[in-house]
Amino acid sequence: MQAETRATIDRTSGPNGASIAVLRFSGDISSASKEPVLGAWQTVSGSGPVLLDFSKVDYINSSGIALIIQILMEADKTGQKVAVFGLTPHFQKVFTMVGIGKYAGLHKDEATAAASL
C-alpha cells in the first residue's frame, strides 16, 4: 500500500544569508502524488532558489520521477536554481542515471545543498 505523499514548505538561509525555500516531501512519490508535489512547487516557483528534501520519502516510482523531472525542467526554463538532498543511496543512483543531475545538484544533506545555491 502506498504511503500518502505530503509536501511542506520551509525556509532556510544560504551561505550569503539569502532566503531559500525548502520543499520537504514525505511518504511515497508516484502518479498519485501529482497534486501535492506540483502544488507545493507552484507555491515556490519563481521565488528564488529551492531545495528539494527527500529524507522522509520511502519510495519513488517512475511516475514520481517524472513529476520531479517536470519540476526541474520548469525551474531550468526560468533559471531558478534547485538542489536536491536526502536521497537514499539507491535513489541517488537512480536520479543520476536518469539525468536529474543536469538540472539540480544532488547533495548528501541540507547544509551542503544550501551552500551550493
C-alpha atoms as a PDB file:
ATOM      1  CA  MET A   1       0.000   0.000   0.000  1.00  0.00           C
ATOM      2  CA  GLN A   2       1.273   3.439  -0.901  1.00  0.00           C
ATOM      3  CA  ALA A   3       2.085   5.935   1.851  1.00  0.00           C
ATOM      4  CA  GLU A   4       0.359   9.265   1.308  1.00  0.00           C
ATOM      5  CA  THR A   5       2.557  11.937  -0.221  1.00  0.00           C
ATOM      6  CA  ARG A   6       2.980  15.040   1.862  1.00  0.00           C
ATOM      7  CA  ALA A   7       4.773  18.217   0.906  1.00  0.00           C
ATOM      8  CA  THR A   8       5.558  21.031   3.309  1.00  0.00           C
ATOM      9  CA  ILE A   9       7.379  24.266   2.664  1.00  0.00           C
ATOM     10  CA  ASP A  10      10.053  25.640   4.979  1.00  0.00           C
ATOM     11  CA  ARG A  11      12.651  28.339   4.615  1.00  0.00           C
ATOM     12  CA  THR A  12      16.350  28.287   5.345  1.00  0.00           C
ATOM     13  CA  SER A  13      19.238  30.638   4.688  1.00  0.00           C
ATOM     14  CA  GLY A  14      22.026  30.200   2.204  1.00  0.00           C
ATOM     15  CA  PRO A  15      25.671  30.986   2.942  1.00  0.00           C
ATOM     16  CA  ASN A  16      25.148  34.640   1.971  1.00  0.00           C
ATOM     17  CA  GLY A  17      22.036  34.931   4.167  1.00  0.00           C
ATOM     18  CA  ALA A  18      19.606  34.777   1.243  1.00  0.00           C
ATOM     19  CA  SER A  19      16.295  33.024   1.869  1.00  0.00           C
ATOM     20  CA  ILE A  20      15.897  29.580   0.292  1.00  0.00           C
ATOM     21  CA  ALA A  21      12.597  27.691   0.041  1.00  0.00           C
ATOM     22  CA  VAL A  22      12.737  24.048   1.142  1.00  0.00           C
ATOM     23  CA  LEU A  23      10.129  21.609  -0.196  1.00  0.00           C
ATOM     24  CA  ARG A  24      10.042  18.698   2.246  1.00  0.00           C
ATOM     25  CA  PHE A  25       8.455  15.571   0.824  1.00  0.00           C
ATOM     26  CA  SER A  26       7.381  12.515   2.811  1.00  0.00           C
ATOM     27  CA  GLY A  27       5.656   9.225   2.045  1.00  0.00           C
ATOM     28  CA  ASP A  28       5.784   7.725  -1.444  1.00  0.00           C
ATOM     29  CA  ILE A  29       6.002   9.706  -4.685  1.00  0.00           C
ATOM     30  CA  SER A  30       4.056   8.267  -7.619  1.00  0.00           C
ATOM     31  CA  SER A  31       1.406   9.311 -10.145  1.00  0.00           C
ATOM     32  CA  ALA A  32      -0.987   9.751  -7.207  1.00  0.00           C
ATOM     33  CA  SER A  33       1.363  12.447  -5.876  1.00  0.00           C
ATOM     34  CA  LYS A  34       0.763  14.950  -8.653  1.00  0.00           C
ATOM     35  CA  GLU A  35      -1.347  17.361  -6.595  1.00  0.00           C
ATOM     36  CA  PRO A  36       0.864  17.626  -3.505  1.00  0.00           C
ATOM     37  CA  VAL A  37       4.141  17.675  -5.451  1.00  0.00           C
ATOM     38  CA  LEU A  38       3.156  20.124  -8.194  1.00  0.00           C
ATOM     39  CA  GLY A  39       1.005  22.176  -5.821  1.00  0.00           C
ATOM     40  CA  ALA A  40       3.948  22.727  -3.483  1.00  0.00           C
ATOM     41  CA  TRP A  41       6.156  23.551  -6.450  1.00  0.00           C
ATOM     42  CA  GLN A  42       3.694  26.173  -7.743  1.00  0.00           C
ATOM     43  CA  THR A  43       3.863  27.876  -4.348  1.00  0.00           C
ATOM     44  CA  VAL A  44       7.653  28.389  -4.592  1.00  0.00           C
ATOM     45  CA  SER A  45       8.064  28.544  -8.370  1.00  0.00           C
ATOM     46  CA  GLY A  46       9.797  31.737  -9.360  1.00  0.00           C
ATOM     47  CA  SER A  47      10.539  32.753  -5.757  1.00  0.00           C
ATOM     48  CA  GLY A  48      14.284  32.186  -5.745  1.00  0.00           C
ATOM     49  CA  PRO A  49      16.394  29.126  -5.014  1.00  0.00           C
ATOM     50  CA  VAL A  50      14.726  25.921  -3.823  1.00  0.00           C
ATOM     51  CA  LEU A  51      15.874  22.797  -2.012  1.00  0.00           C
ATOM     52  CA  LEU A  52      14.026  19.507  -2.521  1.00  0.00           C
ATOM     53  CA  ASP A  53      14.205  17.338   0.616  1.00  0.00           C
ATOM     54  CA  PHE A  54      13.669  13.597   0.083  1.00  0.00           C
ATOM     55  CA  SER A  55      14.926  12.458   3.509  1.00  0.00           C
ATOM     56  CA  LYS A  56      11.451  11.212   4.536  1.00  0.00           C
ATOM     57  CA  VAL A  57      10.476   9.679   1.197  1.00  0.00           C
ATOM     58  CA  ASP A  58      10.197   5.905   1.312  1.00  0.00           C
ATOM     59  CA  TYR A  59       9.585   5.132  -2.352  1.00  0.00           C
ATOM     60  CA  ILE A  60       9.613   6.888  -5.724  1.00  0.00           C
ATOM     61  CA  ASN A  61       8.375   5.103  -8.843  1.00  0.00           C
ATOM     62  CA  SER A  62       8.878   6.116 -12.477  1.00  0.00           C
ATOM     63  CA  SER A  63       5.781   8.347 -12.446  1.00  0.00           C
ATOM     64  CA  GLY A  64       7.125  10.089  -9.350  1.00  0.00           C
ATOM     65  CA  ILE A  65      10.481  10.615 -11.021  1.00  0.00           C
ATOM     66  CA  ALA A  66       8.636  12.122 -13.996  1.00  0.00           C
ATOM     67  CA  LEU A  67       6.990  14.644 -11.625  1.00  0.00           C
ATOM     68  CA  ILE A  68      10.395  15.611 -10.225  1.00  0.00           C
ATOM     69  CA  ILE A  69      11.789  15.990 -13.742  1.00  0.00           C
ATOM     70  CA  GLN A  70       8.809  18.196 -14.646  1.00  0.00           C
ATOM     71  CA  ILE A  71       9.595  20.488 -11.703  1.00  0.00           C
ATOM     72  CA  LEU A  72      13.268  20.657 -12.623  1.00  0.00           C
ATOM     73  CA  MET A  73      12.585  21.391 -16.287  1.00  0.00           C
ATOM     74  CA  GLU A  74      10.253  24.243 -15.305  1.00  0.00           C
ATOM     75  CA  ALA A  75      12.918  25.633 -12.978  1.00  0.00           C
ATOM     76  CA  ASP A  76      15.539  25.337 -15.718  1.00  0.00           C
ATOM     77  CA  LYS A  77      13.358  27.291 -18.177  1.00  0.00           C
ATOM     78  CA  THR A  78      13.121  30.218 -15.766  1.00  0.00           C
ATOM     79  CA  GLY A  79      16.680  29.994 -14.428  1.00  0.00           C
ATOM     80  CA  GLN A  80      15.519  29.070 -10.926  1.00  0.00           C
ATOM     81  CA  LYS A  81      18.230  27.213  -9.007  1.00  0.00           C
ATOM     82  CA  VAL A  82      17.291  23.897  -7.394  1.00  0.00           C
ATOM     83  CA  ALA A  83      19.290  21.459  -5.278  1.00  0.00           C
ATOM     84  CA  VAL A  84      18.265  18.014  -4.013  1.00  0.00           C
ATOM     85  CA  PHE A  85      19.209  16.285  -0.767  1.00  0.00           C
ATOM     86  CA  GLY A  86      18.169  13.416   1.468  1.00  0.00           C
ATOM     87  CA  LEU A  87      18.098  10.689  -1.174  1.00  0.00           C
ATOM     88  CA  THR A  88      18.795   7.104  -0.210  1.00  0.00           C
ATOM     89  CA  PRO A  89      21.865   5.649  -1.973  1.00  0.00           C
ATOM     90  CA  HIS A  90      19.504   3.752  -4.308  1.00  0.00           C
ATOM     91  CA  PHE A  91      17.604   6.865  -5.363  1.00  0.00           C
ATOM     92  CA  GLN A  92      20.821   8.884  -5.595  1.00  0.00           C
ATOM     93  CA  LYS A  93      21.911   6.326  -8.202  1.00  0.00           C
ATOM     94  CA  VAL A  94      18.513   6.373  -9.983  1.00  0.00           C
ATOM     95  CA  PHE A  95      18.423  10.191 -10.115  1.00  0.00           C
ATOM     96  CA  THR A  96      21.945  10.201 -11.550  1.00  0.00           C
ATOM     97  CA  MET A  97      21.068   7.542 -14.145  1.00  0.00           C
ATOM     98  CA  VAL A  98      18.001   9.437 -15.418  1.00  0.00           C
ATOM     99  CA  GLY A  99      19.952  12.699 -15.705  1.00  0.00           C
ATOM    100  CA  ILE A 100      18.415  14.710 -12.887  1.00  0.00           C
ATOM    101  CA  GLY A 101      21.915  15.907 -12.017  1.00  0.00           C
ATOM    102  CA  LYS A 102      21.831  18.041 -15.175  1.00  0.00           C
ATOM    103  CA  TYR A 103      19.058  20.147 -13.666  1.00  0.00           C
ATOM    104  CA  ALA A 104      19.821  20.058  -9.938  1.00  0.00           C
ATOM    105  CA  GLY A 105      22.774  19.270  -7.754  1.00  0.00           C
ATOM    106  CA  LEU A 106      22.402  16.066  -5.725  1.00  0.00           C
ATOM    107  CA  HIS A 107      23.718  16.520  -2.189  1.00  0.00           C
ATOM    108  CA  LYS A 108      24.026  14.433   0.968  1.00  0.00           C
ATOM    109  CA  ASP A 109      22.493  16.947   3.373  1.00  0.00           C
ATOM    110  CA  GLU A 110      20.647  20.248   3.648  1.00  0.00           C
ATOM    111  CA  ALA A 111      23.676  22.342   4.571  1.00  0.00           C
ATOM    112  CA  THR A 112      25.677  21.139   1.559  1.00  0.00           C
ATOM    113  CA  ALA A 113      22.692  21.641  -0.756  1.00  0.00           C
ATOM    114  CA  ALA A 114      22.039  25.159   0.554  1.00  0.00           C
ATOM    115  CA  ALA A 115      25.714  26.077   0.194  1.00  0.00           C
ATOM    116  CA  SER A 116      25.586  25.014  -3.482  1.00  0.00           C
ATOM    117  CA  LEU A 117      22.972  27.653  -4.294  1.00  0.00           C
END
